[in-house]
Structure formats: structure tokens, C-alpha cells
């Protein structure tokens, strides 16, 4: 992801959010904002198919040794307030410092931090940037299938003459 340009990462982030069910279709729901003068908002997406509310996105394609710090999150919160937004998602390829994580739980508008590990998990879970290579079907015994409503069948035994009898 780091080898691609920043606008590619912003598109990936919006694709993940769309795959998670936000907005509906790409044409109707999401637009990339990350251009010069974007005022700190890299994207926006409808929270639902009707577009009743918008979620604003900050996408930072940073190396693992460059964590997102509290001032970075504060700048995003300021951009959200300037847009009169109530919700935002801050997604990075890196990680968040403890101070940044502590800050987002206490601030309005609400901000959800998504670090690189969580982003990778979401991409896999929602099929963004991955394809299925092999699939295995595992079977297990359905215990309920073997229980009848009248209780278990009596055990069958054999008498001395080899005749089957039930106990």
C-alpha cells in the first residue's frame, strides 16, 4: 500500500467502507475529497443508502514508524467541526499513539480510529484487494440430527443364543 500514491490509499479506504455497507454504490455514496484545499477531509460517505448522514474520512498512508499522534487527530476533529460533521473515521496504514487513542474517546464529534492492522483485517473480511485462492469445506457431526424427540433409542444387545434384544 505504501508503494502506491496517496490518492490510491484514499480510494482503498472508501472501497472498504462501501464494502462494509455504508452508502450503497460508489457513484451515489462516496466521493474522494483528498485534493489541495480539502481542509483535512480526505473523503465522505453516506452512513446509509438514503444519505441521512455523512461520515467524513481522514486517510493517512504513513510508514509504520510514523504513528498518528494526538495533534493529527485534533486537526481532523477541527476539520470535522468546520464541516459541521458529527462523525469521522481516521484510517492509517500506521498506528495511533496512546495519547491519540485516549483523545478520540473524549471528543465530539465522534472519531473512530482504524490502524493498519485493523484496516488489513477489514480488507480481508470484506474482500477488498484480496481474492479467494482456495476454499475448504469442513464437515462436523450434527448432534441434533441423531436425537429423536422421544429420547435416545434403547441399546440393542444379544442374548446367549445370538438373538437381538433391547434393554
Protein backbone atom coordinates (compact mmCIF):
# COMPACT_ATOMS: atom_id res chain seq x y z
CA UNK A 1 0.00 0.00 0.00
CA UNK A 2 2.89 2.33 0.78
CA UNK A 3 4.26 1.91 -2.75
CA UNK A 4 1.10 3.41 -4.28
CA UNK A 5 0.26 7.12 -4.41
CA UNK A 6 -1.78 8.70 -1.58
CA UNK A 7 -4.96 9.01 -3.68
CA UNK A 8 -4.88 5.23 -4.23
CA UNK A 9 -4.96 4.73 -0.46
CA UNK A 10 -7.90 7.12 -0.12
CA UNK A 11 -9.77 5.10 -2.75
CA UNK A 12 -8.99 1.85 -0.90
CA UNK A 13 -10.36 3.34 2.32
CA UNK A 14 -13.62 4.35 0.64
CA UNK A 15 -13.87 0.91 -1.02
CA UNK A 16 -13.58 -0.76 2.40
CA UNK A 17 -16.30 1.45 3.86
CA UNK A 18 -18.56 0.75 0.88
CA UNK A 19 -17.92 -2.99 1.23
CA UNK A 20 -18.91 -2.71 4.90
CA UNK A 21 -22.33 -1.47 3.81
CA UNK A 22 -22.01 2.26 4.12
CA UNK A 23 -23.63 4.34 1.42
CA UNK A 24 -24.82 1.90 -1.20
CA UNK A 25 -22.99 2.34 -4.51
CA UNK A 26 -19.74 4.13 -5.22
CA UNK A 27 -21.42 6.60 -7.57
CA UNK A 28 -24.12 7.57 -5.10
CA UNK A 29 -22.38 7.25 -1.79
CA UNK A 30 -18.74 8.18 -1.78
CA UNK A 31 -16.51 10.80 -3.19
CA UNK A 32 -12.84 11.39 -2.79
CA UNK A 33 -12.04 14.79 -1.43
CA UNK A 34 -8.29 14.49 -0.87
CA UNK A 35 -7.04 17.29 -3.05
CA UNK A 36 -5.26 20.52 -2.28
CA UNK A 37 -7.55 22.58 -0.11
CA UNK A 38 -9.55 19.59 1.16
CA UNK A 39 -9.41 21.17 4.63
CA UNK A 40 -8.27 17.93 6.24
CA UNK A 41 -11.12 15.75 4.98
CA UNK A 42 -9.98 13.04 2.57
CA UNK A 43 -13.40 11.59 1.87
CA UNK A 44 -17.02 11.42 2.77
CA UNK A 45 -19.51 8.62 2.59
CA UNK A 46 -23.21 8.30 3.30
CA UNK A 47 -23.90 6.49 6.53
CA UNK A 48 -26.81 4.70 4.88
CA UNK A 49 -28.37 4.25 1.45
CA UNK A 50 -30.71 7.18 1.98
CA UNK A 51 -27.89 9.58 2.74
CA UNK A 52 -29.40 10.76 6.02
CA UNK A 53 -25.97 11.47 7.49
CA UNK A 54 -22.40 11.64 6.26
CA UNK A 55 -19.26 10.17 7.72
CA UNK A 56 -16.07 12.04 6.93
CA UNK A 57 -12.80 10.23 6.42
CA UNK A 58 -9.16 11.05 7.06
CA UNK A 59 -6.77 8.64 5.35
CA UNK A 60 -3.06 8.70 6.21
CA UNK A 61 -0.70 6.43 4.28
CA UNK A 62 2.19 6.55 6.69
CA UNK A 63 5.13 4.23 7.32
CA UNK A 64 4.89 2.02 10.42
CA UNK A 65 7.49 4.10 12.26
CA UNK A 66 5.35 7.27 11.86
CA UNK A 67 2.40 6.92 14.27
CA UNK A 68 -0.68 9.12 14.26
CA UNK A 69 -0.33 11.48 17.21
CA UNK A 70 -2.87 13.48 19.15
CA UNK A 71 -2.26 16.71 17.17
CA UNK A 72 -3.03 14.81 13.94
CA UNK A 73 -6.36 13.67 15.36
CA UNK A 74 -7.05 17.15 16.78
CA UNK A 75 -6.58 18.64 13.30
CA UNK A 76 -9.09 16.14 11.90
CA UNK A 77 -11.56 16.95 14.68
CA UNK A 78 -11.18 20.64 13.81
CA UNK A 79 -11.90 19.87 10.15
CA UNK A 80 -14.99 17.89 11.19
CA UNK A 81 -16.22 20.79 13.29
CA UNK A 82 -15.63 23.16 10.39
CA UNK A 83 -17.79 20.91 8.19
CA UNK A 84 -20.42 20.69 10.96
CA UNK A 85 -19.95 16.93 10.92
CA UNK A 86 -20.85 14.62 13.78
CA UNK A 87 -18.84 11.54 12.76
CA UNK A 88 -15.46 10.73 11.35
CA UNK A 89 -13.18 7.80 10.69
CA UNK A 90 -9.40 8.27 10.86
CA UNK A 91 -7.71 5.43 8.98
CA UNK A 92 -3.97 4.92 8.73
CA UNK A 93 -1.52 2.32 7.47
CA UNK A 94 0.45 3.07 10.63
CA UNK A 95 -0.74 3.06 14.26
CA UNK A 96 -2.12 5.51 16.83
CA UNK A 97 -0.24 6.65 19.90
CA UNK A 98 -1.88 6.06 23.27
CA UNK A 99 -2.48 9.81 23.59
CA UNK A 100 -4.30 9.88 20.25
CA UNK A 101 -6.49 6.91 21.24
CA UNK A 102 -7.28 8.48 24.62
CA UNK A 103 -8.25 11.74 22.92
CA UNK A 104 -10.76 10.22 20.47
CA UNK A 105 -12.84 8.62 23.22
CA UNK A 106 -13.40 12.01 24.89
CA UNK A 107 -14.10 14.28 21.95
CA UNK A 108 -17.11 15.40 19.95
CA UNK A 109 -17.57 14.87 17.05
CA UNK A 110 -17.10 11.15 17.37
CA UNK A 111 -13.97 9.78 15.70
CA UNK A 112 -13.22 6.09 15.14
CA UNK A 113 -9.51 5.28 14.78
CA UNK A 114 -8.55 2.43 12.43
CA UNK A 115 -4.89 1.45 12.37
CA UNK A 116 -3.06 -0.54 9.69
CA UNK A 117 -3.63 -3.92 11.31
CA UNK A 118 -7.37 -3.31 11.70
CA UNK A 119 -7.57 -1.98 8.12
CA UNK A 120 -5.90 -5.15 6.83
CA UNK A 121 -8.37 -7.27 8.82
CA UNK A 122 -11.31 -5.30 7.39
CA UNK A 123 -9.96 -5.62 3.84
CA UNK A 124 -9.74 -9.39 4.22
CA UNK A 125 -13.12 -9.70 5.93
CA UNK A 126 -14.94 -7.61 3.30
CA UNK A 127 -12.98 -8.82 0.26
CA UNK A 128 -11.24 -5.58 -0.72
CA UNK A 129 -7.94 -6.06 -2.52
CA UNK A 130 -8.00 -9.81 -1.96
CA UNK A 131 -9.28 -12.76 -3.94
CA UNK A 132 -10.16 -16.24 -2.84
CA UNK A 133 -7.40 -18.68 -3.72
CA UNK A 134 -8.62 -21.95 -2.23
CA UNK A 135 -11.61 -22.90 -0.21
CA UNK A 136 -12.09 -25.91 2.01
CA UNK A 137 -15.37 -27.18 3.34
CA UNK A 138 -15.13 -28.79 6.74
CA UNK A 139 -17.91 -31.02 7.98
CA UNK A 140 -18.86 -31.85 11.53
CA UNK A 141 -21.39 -34.22 13.01
CA UNK A 142 -24.78 -32.61 13.57
CA UNK A 143 -25.60 -33.99 17.01
CA UNK A 144 -29.20 -32.76 16.83
CA UNK A 145 -29.84 -34.94 13.77
CA UNK A 146 -29.23 -38.09 15.79
CA UNK A 147 -31.53 -37.25 18.70
CA UNK A 148 -35.18 -38.19 18.31
CA UNK A 149 -37.90 -36.37 20.18
CA UNK A 150 -38.74 -39.40 22.35
CA UNK A 151 -35.27 -39.75 23.79
CA UNK A 152 -32.42 -41.99 22.73
CA UNK A 153 -33.13 -45.42 21.32
CA UNK A 154 -32.57 -48.29 23.76
CA UNK A 155 -29.30 -50.10 23.37
CA UNK A 156 -29.54 -53.36 21.46
CA UNK A 157 -27.79 -56.37 22.97
CA UNK A 158 -27.64 -60.00 22.08
CA UNK A 159 -28.61 -62.93 24.28
CA UNK A 160 -26.67 -66.13 24.63
CA UNK A 161 -28.30 -67.56 21.52
CA UNK A 162 -27.21 -64.52 19.47
CA UNK A 163 -30.72 -63.13 19.31
CA UNK A 164 -31.03 -59.36 19.43
CA UNK A 165 -32.93 -57.91 22.37
CA UNK A 166 -33.50 -54.38 23.69
CA UNK A 167 -32.78 -53.39 27.24
